[in-house]
Each structure stands twice: as structure tokens, then as C-alpha cells.
Amino acid sequence: MPTDSADSAAPAVTTPQRATLADITPPIALGPLDGRYRGAVAPLVDHLSEAALNRERLHVEVEWLIALTEGPVVPGAPALSDAEKAYLRAIVTDFDAAGIAELGEIERVTVHDVKAVEYYIKRRLEAAPSILGEGTVLPSAGELVHFACTSEDVNNLSYALMVQGAVRDVWLPAATALADQLADMAREHAAVPLLSRTHGQPATPSTLGKEIAVLAHRLRRQLRRIEGAEYLGKLNGATGTYGAHTVAVPGVDWPGVSKSFVESLGLTWNPLTTQVESHDWQAELYSDLARFNRVLHNLSTDVWTYISLGFFKQIPVPGATGSSTMPHKVNPIRFENAEANLEISCALLDTLASTLVTSRLQRDLTDSTTQRNIGPAFGHSLLAVDNVSRGLRALAVNADLLAADLDANWEVLGEPIQSAMRAASVAGVPGMENPYERLKDLTRGHRLTGEEMREFVQGLGLPDDVTRRLTDLTPGTYTGIAEQLVADYLD
């Protein structure tokens, strides 16, 4: 009989203490973009990382300092020599691991990231005599650092420069190369007949190249929108009124100074804002990026389906394993990986686009933490672009299976035959009544052979030239002007 005595209790199971992975140095990546997929997205680090943000903050602060001395806009501001300007700009170009660590130490004291950047620059101004000599005026320019600025003046310009660089230098070249790769595939296979499938059912044939061209054309249209994106910026103070500017130094055309400065950074000036630049340009850009992603997702699912039908063969990678238990498998993992990453990227881009356009009254901080996720949004898209490109390079067309698929579906010729009958009826040929219904009765739900289709055509009483044209037609030659469309309209 079981008892409740302590003697009958099961022995306690002790779990060995596991190492705390968070304490390992260097740190282990929390997310896949900084771990497993780092190689594919590493170029974005130079544009969209925390360190890149701080480097752009340094850039903006340094250029603003130089701009204030060149008027001079602020009375009494020292005139800077070329050597002093070069010294200041070197603060940005020399920002390295040691600089990142030093800035981090300053921020732990200030508990404010932009203020830490200001103090970082002031340290360099104070140290200038040891590099440039005792005659330098830089130590006297300390109060021009961050002059009349609110943090958002620096941050909005920094993010605009970061995103502009990430798009133009990293994402856009990769995405354009993929669209070009796809266009080359379209031209290569422009004449390869393909049985189309509408609603998953056999339909009017096309060519493999024409179907690929459709996707290349769609991607390139989105790329043109992204290439034309505007990157807006503002520098107008705590609530967009130039309040501090006009009180500290009245009589200056501060909007003109602001416009000139923002445009000197390669950005478009936004004349009317609250404390925050409105971020509408970001929402527009991210919506276009998300749309590109969704077209690429469509491509990935279509190619996956063509692979499952056997129309594309995958070239095995030597030594690679497709399945841990089924040795024969060569899985379409590149396209599946792309699908998932495109969905993650779109989710982030959609959130960025919807969140960033709203700021309560003159300022709230929802945009601050939201914008820190721009990097992952771009990273998952770039990873998908890389996967699709690699996946496409590992495909070979199974021309024999494509031909067999067409030859097994002669019923798709019901469309051109009934259309020819309609044309003949309009031309006055007798016996052409109810062409659609007659072809429907012949073909719907039935598999026909080529011989059966030719016999049907020959018995219709069509003019001889039309009969010859239709009896010569096969599913493999019924591709319209698909090949010509690729040649004429794929830009």
C-alpha cells in the first residue's frame, strides 16, 4: 500500500547549474542578424548601428560648429583655419572602437546620448593645442558646440544621413543587382514555353522568361521610387520656432542659415516642424521598401512552387545536407528563408511607417526607440535579397518536364479555337454558333490528345487558312507574343 511517509518519497532531482550565457565576453548575439546572418548584413553596420548613429551625431555637430564660424553667424566666433577644420572633421572620420568606448563612458555619467556627444567634442577642442599648437582657437569655440540646438536637431539629421547612406550604399545596390539578375534570367528563358496556372489549374501558356520578366519589372518600378526618395531634415530649435536662435543672436536670417546647413549635408530642408522633424519621408520610404519586399515575397513563393512542380531543378551544393533523415532532399531553403525574413522586415517597416508619423503635440519620445529598429528592418530585407539571389543562381530549368506538362494539357487550346470561331462568325462564316459552349463541352474536365483536338478543328468548317493555323498550333507554341514582350518592354 502506498503511504505518505517521507521514506516513500521519490528522490529529489537536481538540475545542474548552467552557465550564464549573458556573461560571456565578447557578448553573444541576441538576434540572428548579429549572429547567424552577420555576414550577409554586415555592410549595414556602418550605417544603421548605434555606433553609426553616434558617428553621424558627431558629423552633424562638427559641421554645425564649422558653419557657425564661417559667416560668422555668431558675433565673436573665431575664424577657423583649414587645419582646424580638418582637425574637427577628423573627430568623425577617426571615430573608432576607442572612441565608442569613451563616448559610452561619458553617457554613463550624462545619462543622455546627445549631451555625451557634445562633451566628447569639447574634450577634443580642449586637446587641440597638443596637436595643432598653442595658437589654435579651437578651445575658445567650445560654446558653439550644440549652439541653440535641441537634441532632435541633431538626431533627425543624423538618422536622415544614416538611412540615406544605408539605402544608397548598401540596400539599393544589392536590390538592383537582384533585379538585374532576374532580368537576365528573363531574357535567357524568354522563349521557353510554360504552362500557366491560374487558380492553380492549367491555363493559357506563356513563357518562363515572360513570367520572370513580370516580377523583374515590378521590382524595378519599386526601385525607381526608392531611388527618388527625399531625405528631409530640420534645425530650428526646441519647438521649431528658432526661439533660442533669435534671442541669442537677433537679426540673423536663421531659416536661411538652417536651410543652407541642412542642404549642405545633402538633405532636403523641412521649413515647418514641431520639435521633431515630422518623419513623413521615412514613412514614405519604408512603405516603398515594404512594397518591394512583398513583390520579392511573391517571387519567392512562385519560384518555390515551380521547384515543387519540378520546372526548376536545384543544383546541389557539395557536402550540403537537405534533410537530416531523407538523403535525397534538396530543399528550397533560400526561398523559404527569404519569405520569412521579408515578412519580418515588412512587419518592422509597417510599424515604423505608422508610428513615426505621429508625435503628441510638440514632442514625445515614441520615435526615439522606434527608430532604433531601422537597422533590423533593413537587415531582414537585405538578408532576403541575398538569399533569393543565391537561390536563383542554384536553379536549372527542367525543359523536358515543362514540355511534357504542356503536351499533357491540349485542352488549353480551347481558348484560341473558340476565339477564332468568334472571329469567323463576325466575318460571316456559317456554322460558327455558340463557339464558347461547344469548346466548353469538349474540354471542360476532359483531357484531350493532340489528335482529338485536331480532328475537332478540322470538322468545324473554318476557312482553310484558319484551319491550318489551328491544326498547327500546340500548347507549346501557343505563347502569343510572350518572347517579344520580354524583348520590347523589360527595361
Protein backbone atom coordinates (compact mmCIF):
# COMPACT_ATOMS: atom_id res chain seq x y z
CA MET A 1 0.00 0.00 0.00
CA PRO A 2 1.34 3.43 -0.79
CA THR A 3 1.98 5.67 2.19
CA ASP A 4 2.57 9.37 2.77
CA SER A 5 5.73 8.78 4.75
CA ALA A 6 8.91 10.63 3.94
CA ASP A 7 10.61 7.28 3.37
CA SER A 8 8.44 6.60 0.33
CA ALA A 9 9.01 9.96 -1.36
CA ALA A 10 10.84 9.93 -4.71
CA PRO A 11 14.40 11.22 -4.54
CA ALA A 12 14.73 14.88 -5.47
CA VAL A 13 16.06 15.55 -8.95
CA THR A 14 18.76 18.20 -9.01
CA THR A 15 19.35 20.22 -12.15
CA PRO A 16 22.99 21.09 -12.82
CA GLN A 17 23.68 24.80 -12.74
CA ARG A 18 24.06 26.08 -16.29
CA ALA A 19 26.50 28.76 -17.35
CA THR A 20 25.00 32.24 -17.75
CA LEU A 21 25.47 32.98 -21.43
CA ALA A 22 24.85 36.69 -20.93
CA ASP A 23 28.14 36.97 -19.04
CA ILE A 24 30.30 35.60 -21.84
CA THR A 25 32.78 38.04 -23.38
CA PRO A 26 32.60 39.05 -26.17
CA PRO A 27 28.82 39.14 -25.91
CA ILE A 28 26.75 36.50 -27.65
CA ALA A 29 24.31 37.96 -30.18
CA LEU A 30 20.71 38.09 -29.02
CA GLY A 31 19.34 38.31 -32.57
CA PRO A 32 20.17 36.37 -35.74
CA LEU A 33 21.27 39.42 -37.71
CA ASP A 34 24.21 39.91 -35.37
CA GLY A 35 24.80 36.17 -35.07
CA ARG A 36 24.00 33.56 -37.69
CA TYR A 37 23.43 36.02 -40.54
CA ARG A 38 26.05 38.62 -39.70
CA GLY A 39 28.00 38.06 -42.91
CA ALA A 40 25.05 38.91 -45.14
CA VAL A 41 24.09 42.13 -43.35
CA ALA A 42 27.46 43.39 -42.05
CA PRO A 43 27.63 46.33 -44.53
CA LEU A 44 24.61 47.89 -42.82
CA VAL A 45 26.52 48.15 -39.53
CA ASP A 46 28.45 51.10 -40.94
CA HIS A 47 25.18 52.96 -41.44
CA LEU A 48 22.45 51.78 -39.06
CA SER A 49 24.17 50.64 -35.86
CA GLU A 50 24.33 52.52 -32.57
CA ALA A 51 27.93 53.42 -33.32
CA ALA A 52 26.91 54.72 -36.76
CA LEU A 53 24.25 56.89 -35.13
CA ASN A 54 26.82 58.42 -32.80
CA ARG A 55 29.25 58.98 -35.66
CA GLU A 56 26.56 60.87 -37.59
CA ARG A 57 25.77 62.90 -34.48
CA LEU A 58 29.44 63.86 -34.32
CA HIS A 59 29.29 64.71 -38.03
CA VAL A 60 26.27 66.99 -37.61
CA GLU A 61 27.66 68.71 -34.51
CA VAL A 62 31.06 69.30 -36.12
CA GLU A 63 29.58 70.68 -39.35
CA TRP A 64 27.21 72.95 -37.39
CA LEU A 65 30.16 74.27 -35.39
CA ILE A 66 32.08 74.99 -38.59
CA ALA A 67 29.02 76.62 -40.20
CA LEU A 68 28.59 78.98 -37.25
CA THR A 69 32.15 80.24 -37.69
CA GLU A 70 32.06 80.79 -41.43
CA GLY A 71 29.67 83.77 -41.50
CA PRO A 72 30.47 84.41 -38.90
CA VAL A 73 26.86 83.84 -37.86
CA VAL A 74 27.58 84.35 -34.16
CA PRO A 75 29.44 87.62 -33.42
CA GLY A 76 32.87 86.96 -31.94
CA ALA A 77 33.02 83.40 -33.23
CA PRO A 78 36.60 82.54 -34.13
CA ALA A 79 37.55 82.07 -37.76
CA LEU A 80 38.89 78.56 -38.32
CA SER A 81 41.88 77.67 -40.41
CA ASP A 82 41.83 74.80 -42.87
CA ALA A 83 43.93 72.80 -40.42
CA GLU A 84 41.44 73.42 -37.62
CA LYS A 85 38.51 72.38 -39.81
CA ALA A 86 40.39 69.24 -40.79
CA TYR A 87 41.08 68.53 -37.11
CA LEU A 88 37.37 68.83 -36.34
CA ARG A 89 36.33 66.60 -39.21
CA ALA A 90 38.87 64.02 -38.12
CA ILE A 91 36.82 63.64 -34.93
CA VAL A 92 34.24 61.99 -37.17
CA THR A 93 36.48 60.02 -39.51
CA ASP A 94 38.65 58.74 -36.65
CA PHE A 95 35.72 57.58 -34.53
CA ASP A 96 36.73 54.01 -33.74
CA ALA A 97 36.44 51.37 -31.02
CA ALA A 98 38.28 53.55 -28.52
CA GLY A 99 36.03 56.48 -29.34
CA ILE A 100 32.93 54.32 -28.96
CA ALA A 101 34.12 53.19 -25.54
CA GLU A 102 34.95 56.74 -24.42
CA LEU A 103 31.58 58.06 -25.59
CA GLY A 104 29.90 55.25 -23.69
CA GLU A 105 31.73 56.25 -20.52
CA ILE A 106 30.61 59.86 -20.90
CA GLU A 107 27.00 58.80 -21.47
CA ARG A 108 27.01 56.72 -18.29
CA VAL A 109 27.56 60.00 -16.46
CA THR A 110 25.29 62.27 -18.51
CA VAL A 111 22.57 59.64 -18.95
CA HIS A 112 21.89 61.49 -22.20
CA ASP A 113 23.27 60.33 -25.52
CA VAL A 114 23.36 63.65 -27.41
CA LYS A 115 24.83 65.53 -24.44
CA ALA A 116 27.56 62.90 -24.31
CA VAL A 117 28.39 63.67 -27.94
CA GLU A 118 28.66 67.38 -27.09
CA TYR A 119 31.08 66.67 -24.24
CA TYR A 120 33.07 64.26 -26.43
CA ILE A 121 33.66 67.04 -28.96
CA LYS A 122 34.52 69.58 -26.27
CA ARG A 123 37.23 67.24 -24.98
CA ARG A 124 38.76 67.30 -28.46
CA LEU A 125 38.61 71.08 -28.57
CA GLU A 126 40.44 71.29 -25.27
CA ALA A 127 43.07 68.84 -26.54
CA ALA A 128 43.60 70.70 -29.82
CA PRO A 129 46.68 72.70 -28.70
CA SER A 130 48.63 69.48 -28.18
CA ILE A 131 48.05 68.62 -31.84
CA LEU A 132 47.77 71.98 -33.59
CA GLY A 133 49.91 74.12 -31.31
CA GLU A 134 49.13 76.74 -28.70
CA GLY A 135 47.95 79.23 -31.31
CA THR A 136 44.79 77.31 -32.19
CA VAL A 137 41.45 78.99 -31.48
CA LEU A 138 39.54 75.74 -31.06
CA PRO A 139 39.49 75.77 -27.22
CA SER A 140 37.59 79.08 -27.39
CA ALA A 141 34.91 77.56 -29.65
CA GLY A 142 33.52 75.20 -27.02
CA GLU A 143 30.23 77.03 -26.52
CA LEU A 144 29.48 76.86 -30.22
CA VAL A 145 29.13 73.09 -29.93
CA HIS A 146 25.39 72.30 -29.96
CA PHE A 147 24.64 76.04 -30.12
CA ALA A 148 20.85 76.75 -29.94
CA CYS A 149 20.13 73.10 -30.73
CA THR A 150 17.70 70.70 -29.21
CA SER A 151 18.70 67.04 -29.31
CA GLU A 152 16.22 66.38 -32.10
CA ASP A 153 18.00 68.92 -34.31
CA VAL A 154 21.00 66.62 -34.21
CA ASN A 155 19.12 63.32 -34.19
CA ASN A 156 16.81 63.95 -37.13
CA LEU A 157 19.72 64.96 -39.34
CA SER A 158 21.77 62.00 -38.15
CA TYR A 159 19.03 59.49 -38.90
CA ALA A 160 18.42 61.03 -42.31
CA LEU A 161 22.11 60.66 -43.16
CA MET A 162 22.21 57.12 -41.78
CA VAL A 163 19.18 55.94 -43.75
CA GLN A 164 20.33 57.74 -46.89
CA GLY A 165 23.71 56.01 -46.69
CA ALA A 166 22.19 52.61 -45.95
CA VAL A 167 19.84 52.87 -48.93
CA ARG A 168 22.26 54.32 -51.45
CA ASP A 169 25.42 52.48 -50.45
CA VAL A 170 24.14 49.07 -49.33
CA TRP A 171 20.49 48.13 -49.82
CA LEU A 172 19.83 49.71 -53.21
CA PRO A 173 22.92 48.25 -54.93
CA ALA A 174 22.06 44.77 -53.64
CA ALA A 175 18.39 45.05 -54.61
CA THR A 176 19.26 46.48 -58.03
CA ALA A 177 21.72 43.66 -58.66
CA LEU A 178 18.99 41.15 -57.83
CA ALA A 179 16.54 42.83 -60.23
CA ASP A 180 19.23 42.80 -62.93
CA GLN A 181 19.92 39.13 -62.24
CA LEU A 182 16.24 38.41 -62.62
CA ALA A 183 16.05 40.41 -65.85
CA ASP A 184 18.96 38.39 -67.26
CA MET A 185 17.10 35.17 -66.40
CA ALA A 186 14.00 36.51 -68.14
CA ARG A 187 15.91 37.20 -71.33
CA GLU A 188 17.67 33.83 -71.19
CA HIS A 189 14.39 31.93 -70.91
CA ALA A 190 12.17 34.30 -72.93
CA ALA A 191 11.33 31.59 -75.48
CA VAL A 192 10.92 28.61 -73.09
CA PRO A 193 7.21 27.63 -73.15
CA LEU A 194 5.49 27.30 -69.79
CA LEU A 195 2.01 26.03 -68.98
CA SER A 196 0.46 28.79 -66.91
CA ARG A 197 -1.68 28.06 -63.90
CA THR A 198 -4.49 30.38 -62.91
CA HIS A 199 -6.24 29.38 -59.69
CA GLY A 200 -3.76 26.50 -59.67
CA GLN A 201 -5.29 24.99 -62.83
CA PRO A 202 -3.81 24.62 -66.32
CA ALA A 203 -4.28 27.85 -68.28
CA THR A 204 -3.11 29.71 -71.39
CA PRO A 205 0.61 29.00 -71.88
CA SER A 206 3.22 31.70 -71.50
CA THR A 207 6.99 31.52 -71.41
CA LEU A 208 9.16 31.12 -68.37
CA GLY A 209 11.07 34.26 -69.29
CA LYS A 210 7.94 36.37 -69.63
CA GLU A 211 6.71 35.33 -66.17
CA ILE A 212 10.10 36.15 -64.66
CA ALA A 213 10.08 39.47 -66.55
CA VAL A 214 6.82 40.45 -64.88
CA LEU A 215 8.47 40.15 -61.47
CA ALA A 216 11.65 41.92 -62.58
CA HIS A 217 9.55 44.78 -63.98
CA ARG A 218 7.60 45.06 -60.72
CA LEU A 219 10.75 45.13 -58.61
CA ARG A 220 12.39 47.74 -60.82
CA ARG A 221 9.35 50.01 -60.55
CA GLN A 222 9.66 50.00 -56.76
CA LEU A 223 13.40 50.58 -57.04
CA ARG A 224 12.79 53.71 -59.09
CA ARG A 225 10.52 55.03 -56.35
CA ILE A 226 13.15 54.27 -53.72
CA GLU A 227 15.90 55.86 -55.82
CA GLY A 228 13.84 59.07 -55.92
CA ALA A 229 13.24 59.21 -52.17
CA GLU A 230 13.67 62.51 -50.33
CA TYR A 231 15.58 62.65 -47.06
CA LEU A 232 14.31 65.58 -45.01
CA GLY A 233 15.96 67.40 -42.14
CA LYS A 234 15.43 70.38 -39.87
CA LEU A 235 17.42 72.54 -37.48
CA ASN A 236 15.07 75.04 -35.80
CA GLY A 237 15.18 74.54 -32.04
CA ALA A 238 13.06 73.12 -29.25
CA THR A 239 9.65 73.72 -30.85
CA GLY A 240 10.57 74.71 -34.40
CA THR A 241 10.42 78.49 -33.79
CA TYR A 242 14.13 79.41 -33.74
CA GLY A 243 13.36 80.80 -30.29
CA ALA A 244 16.82 80.39 -28.77
CA HIS A 245 18.48 81.41 -32.01
CA THR A 246 16.69 84.74 -32.34
CA VAL A 247 17.08 85.70 -28.69
CA ALA A 248 20.77 84.81 -28.53
CA VAL A 249 21.66 86.38 -31.88
CA PRO A 250 18.87 88.61 -33.24
CA GLY A 251 18.90 89.96 -36.76
CA VAL A 252 20.20 86.77 -38.40
CA ASP A 253 18.19 85.05 -41.12
CA TRP A 254 18.05 81.86 -39.11
CA PRO A 255 15.73 79.98 -41.50
CA GLY A 256 18.20 80.79 -44.28
CA VAL A 257 21.11 79.58 -42.16
CA SER A 258 19.19 76.41 -41.30
CA LYS A 259 18.24 75.72 -44.92
CA SER A 260 21.78 76.24 -46.13
CA PHE A 261 23.15 73.95 -43.44
CA VAL A 262 20.67 71.12 -43.97
CA GLU A 263 21.19 71.22 -47.72
CA SER A 264 24.97 71.24 -47.25
CA LEU A 265 24.55 67.79 -45.68
CA GLY A 266 22.86 66.53 -48.85
CA LEU A 267 19.36 66.57 -47.33
CA THR A 268 16.09 68.36 -48.16
CA TRP A 269 15.20 71.16 -45.75
CA ASN A 270 11.89 70.91 -43.90
CA PRO A 271 10.77 74.50 -43.06
CA LEU A 272 7.85 73.72 -40.75
CA THR A 273 8.11 71.30 -37.84
CA THR A 274 7.48 70.93 -34.13
CA GLN A 275 10.44 69.85 -32.04
CA VAL A 276 10.60 66.74 -34.20
CA GLU A 277 11.11 66.53 -37.92
CA SER A 278 7.81 65.00 -38.96
CA HIS A 279 9.29 61.74 -40.31
CA ASP A 280 6.82 61.64 -43.19
CA TRP A 281 9.68 61.00 -45.60
CA GLN A 282 10.63 57.94 -43.55
CA ALA A 283 7.09 56.60 -43.70
CA GLU A 284 7.06 57.08 -47.47
CA LEU A 285 10.40 55.34 -47.93
CA TYR A 286 9.55 52.43 -45.63
CA SER A 287 6.24 51.88 -47.41
CA ASP A 288 8.10 51.64 -50.72
CA LEU A 289 10.65 49.28 -49.21
CA ALA A 290 7.87 47.12 -47.79
CA ARG A 291 6.19 47.01 -51.20
CA PHE A 292 9.46 45.89 -52.78
CA ASN A 293 9.66 43.21 -50.09
CA ARG A 294 6.17 41.99 -50.88
CA VAL A 295 6.88 41.71 -54.59
CA LEU A 296 10.03 39.78 -53.73
CA HIS A 297 7.94 37.57 -51.42
CA ASN A 298 5.65 36.87 -54.40
CA LEU A 299 8.71 35.91 -56.44
CA SER A 300 9.91 33.59 -53.68
CA THR A 301 6.59 31.75 -53.42
CA ASP A 302 6.30 31.44 -57.20
CA VAL A 303 9.81 30.04 -57.57
CA TRP A 304 9.16 27.69 -54.65
CA THR A 305 6.06 26.45 -56.48
CA TYR A 306 7.92 25.99 -59.75
CA ILE A 307 10.51 23.96 -57.85
CA SER A 308 7.79 21.81 -56.29
CA LEU A 309 6.32 21.19 -59.77
CA GLY A 310 9.77 20.17 -60.99
CA PHE A 311 10.07 23.02 -63.50
CA PHE A 312 13.26 24.15 -61.80
CA LYS A 313 15.90 21.71 -60.66
CA GLN A 314 18.11 22.78 -57.77
CA ILE A 315 21.83 22.33 -58.17
CA PRO A 316 23.08 20.51 -55.05
CA VAL A 317 25.80 22.16 -53.00
CA PRO A 318 28.67 19.67 -52.50
CA GLY A 319 28.66 18.40 -48.92
CA ALA A 320 25.36 20.09 -48.02
CA THR A 321 22.52 18.23 -46.29
CA GLY A 322 18.94 18.76 -47.38
CA SER A 323 17.28 16.71 -44.68
CA SER A 324 18.60 15.13 -41.51
CA THR A 325 16.73 11.91 -42.30
CA MET A 326 15.92 11.89 -46.04
CA PRO A 327 19.18 11.81 -48.02
CA HIS A 328 17.53 12.60 -51.37
CA LYS A 329 16.21 16.02 -50.35
CA VAL A 330 17.40 19.29 -51.90
CA ASN A 331 15.13 21.77 -50.17
CA PRO A 332 14.32 25.28 -51.49
CA ILE A 333 15.65 26.80 -48.27
CA ARG A 334 16.88 30.04 -49.85
CA PHE A 335 13.38 30.99 -50.91
CA GLU A 336 11.80 29.84 -47.65
CA ASN A 337 14.37 31.83 -45.69
CA ALA A 338 13.65 34.84 -47.87
CA GLU A 339 9.89 34.54 -47.29
CA ALA A 340 10.29 34.60 -43.53
CA ASN A 341 12.76 37.45 -43.47
CA LEU A 342 10.67 39.53 -45.84
CA GLU A 343 7.68 39.09 -43.55
CA ILE A 344 9.72 40.20 -40.52
CA SER A 345 11.12 43.17 -42.44
CA CYS A 346 7.65 44.23 -43.60
CA ALA A 347 6.27 43.97 -40.08
CA LEU A 348 9.01 46.30 -38.83
CA LEU A 349 8.74 48.68 -41.79
CA ASP A 350 4.96 48.89 -41.43
CA THR A 351 5.34 49.67 -37.73
CA LEU A 352 7.98 52.30 -38.42
CA ALA A 353 5.84 53.92 -41.12
CA SER A 354 2.72 54.07 -38.97
CA THR A 355 4.39 55.04 -35.68
CA LEU A 356 6.82 57.70 -36.85
CA VAL A 357 4.23 59.99 -38.43
CA THR A 358 2.61 60.69 -35.06
CA SER A 359 4.11 62.74 -32.21
CA ARG A 360 1.91 64.11 -29.42
CA LEU A 361 1.67 67.89 -29.57
CA GLN A 362 5.19 69.30 -29.97
CA ARG A 363 7.14 66.19 -28.90
CA ASP A 364 7.04 62.73 -27.44
CA LEU A 365 9.73 60.06 -27.41
CA THR A 366 7.99 57.22 -29.21
CA ASP A 367 10.08 57.95 -32.29
CA SER A 368 13.34 57.64 -30.36
CA THR A 369 13.10 53.96 -29.51
CA THR A 370 11.19 53.18 -32.72
CA GLN A 371 13.98 54.49 -34.95
CA ARG A 372 16.48 52.22 -33.23
CA ASN A 373 14.80 49.36 -35.12
CA ILE A 374 15.52 50.75 -38.58
CA GLY A 375 18.61 48.54 -38.77
CA PRO A 376 16.76 45.25 -38.23
CA ALA A 377 14.07 46.29 -40.74
CA PHE A 378 16.71 46.84 -43.42
CA GLY A 379 18.75 43.87 -42.26
CA HIS A 380 16.00 41.30 -42.72
CA SER A 381 15.24 42.73 -46.18
CA LEU A 382 18.90 42.66 -47.20
CA LEU A 383 19.20 39.08 -45.94
CA ALA A 384 16.21 38.09 -48.06
CA VAL A 385 17.70 39.77 -51.13
CA ASP A 386 20.90 37.81 -50.55
CA ASN A 387 19.02 34.53 -50.16
CA VAL A 388 16.93 35.00 -53.29
CA SER A 389 19.99 35.90 -55.33
CA ARG A 390 21.86 32.82 -54.12
CA GLY A 391 18.79 30.65 -54.64
CA LEU A 392 18.33 31.81 -58.23
CA ARG A 393 21.96 31.05 -59.03
CA ALA A 394 21.38 27.43 -57.96
CA LEU A 395 18.48 26.77 -60.36
CA ALA A 396 18.42 24.92 -63.66
CA VAL A 397 15.40 24.77 -65.96
CA ASN A 398 13.88 21.32 -66.47
CA ALA A 399 12.92 21.84 -70.11
CA ASP A 400 11.79 18.24 -70.62
CA LEU A 401 9.26 18.43 -67.80
CA LEU A 402 8.00 21.81 -68.99
CA ALA A 403 7.40 20.32 -72.45
CA ALA A 404 5.69 17.23 -71.03
CA ASP A 405 3.42 19.39 -68.88
CA LEU A 406 2.31 21.32 -71.94
CA ASP A 407 1.77 18.20 -74.02
CA ALA A 408 -0.49 16.76 -71.35
CA ASN A 409 -2.87 19.72 -71.49
CA TRP A 410 -4.17 20.16 -75.03
CA GLU A 411 -7.47 21.44 -73.64
CA VAL A 412 -5.86 24.87 -73.13
CA LEU A 413 -6.22 25.34 -76.89
CA GLY A 414 -9.96 25.69 -76.35
CA GLU A 415 -9.39 29.42 -75.86
CA PRO A 416 -7.77 30.23 -79.25
CA ILE A 417 -10.10 27.88 -81.13
CA GLN A 418 -13.30 29.43 -79.81
CA SER A 419 -11.80 32.89 -80.35
CA ALA A 420 -11.04 32.00 -83.98
CA MET A 421 -14.62 30.74 -84.36
CA ARG A 422 -15.93 34.05 -83.00
CA ALA A 423 -13.82 35.97 -85.50
CA ALA A 424 -15.03 33.74 -88.32
CA SER A 425 -18.65 34.26 -87.24
CA VAL A 426 -18.20 38.03 -87.36
CA ALA A 427 -16.70 37.62 -90.85
CA GLY A 428 -19.86 35.81 -91.98
CA VAL A 429 -18.68 32.17 -91.92
CA PRO A 430 -21.71 29.92 -91.32
CA GLY A 431 -21.83 27.22 -88.66
CA MET A 432 -19.90 29.14 -86.02
CA GLU A 433 -22.74 29.36 -83.50
CA ASN A 434 -22.04 29.04 -79.74
CA PRO A 435 -18.27 28.62 -80.03
CA TYR A 436 -17.58 29.02 -76.31
CA GLU A 437 -20.21 26.49 -75.33
CA ARG A 438 -19.02 23.95 -77.90
CA LEU A 439 -15.43 24.17 -76.67
CA LYS A 440 -16.64 24.05 -73.07
CA ASP A 441 -18.48 20.79 -73.76
CA LEU A 442 -15.39 19.37 -75.48
CA THR A 443 -12.73 20.39 -72.99
CA ARG A 444 -14.11 21.11 -69.52
CA GLY A 445 -12.98 18.39 -67.15
CA HIS A 446 -11.57 16.30 -70.01
CA ARG A 447 -8.04 15.50 -71.09
CA LEU A 448 -7.64 15.58 -74.85
CA THR A 449 -4.89 14.35 -77.09
CA GLY A 450 -3.44 16.40 -79.87
CA GLU A 451 -5.08 14.15 -82.42
CA GLU A 452 -8.52 14.61 -80.86
CA MET A 453 -8.11 18.38 -80.86
CA ARG A 454 -7.01 18.44 -84.50
CA GLU A 455 -9.95 16.28 -85.54
CA PHE A 456 -12.32 18.65 -83.79
CA VAL A 457 -10.80 21.69 -85.54
CA GLN A 458 -10.92 20.03 -88.95
CA GLY A 459 -14.62 19.34 -88.54
CA LEU A 460 -15.63 22.91 -87.71
CA GLY A 461 -15.89 24.21 -91.28
CA LEU A 462 -13.49 27.09 -90.73
CA PRO A 463 -11.72 28.70 -93.70
CA ASP A 464 -8.74 26.64 -94.86
CA ASP A 465 -6.11 29.13 -93.67
CA VAL A 466 -7.65 29.28 -90.19
CA THR A 467 -7.94 25.51 -90.03
CA ARG A 468 -4.27 25.13 -90.95
CA ARG A 469 -3.25 27.72 -88.36
CA LEU A 470 -5.21 25.96 -85.62
CA THR A 471 -4.16 22.43 -86.52
CA ASP A 472 -0.52 23.51 -86.50
CA LEU A 473 -0.98 25.03 -83.01
CA THR A 474 0.26 23.12 -79.96
CA PRO A 475 0.27 24.02 -76.27
CA GLY A 476 4.00 24.63 -76.62
CA THR A 477 3.60 27.11 -79.47
CA TYR A 478 0.54 28.86 -78.06
CA THR A 479 2.54 31.52 -76.22
CA GLY A 480 1.33 34.62 -78.04
CA ILE A 481 3.98 37.32 -78.18
CA ALA A 482 5.45 36.46 -74.79
CA GLU A 483 9.01 36.36 -76.11
CA GLN A 484 8.58 39.70 -77.87
CA LEU A 485 7.17 41.30 -74.72
CA VAL A 486 10.36 40.45 -72.85
CA ALA A 487 12.49 41.94 -75.60
CA ASP A 488 10.38 45.09 -76.02
CA TYR A 489 9.33 46.03 -72.52
CA LEU A 490 11.78 44.67 -69.97
CA ASP A 491 13.79 47.79 -69.24
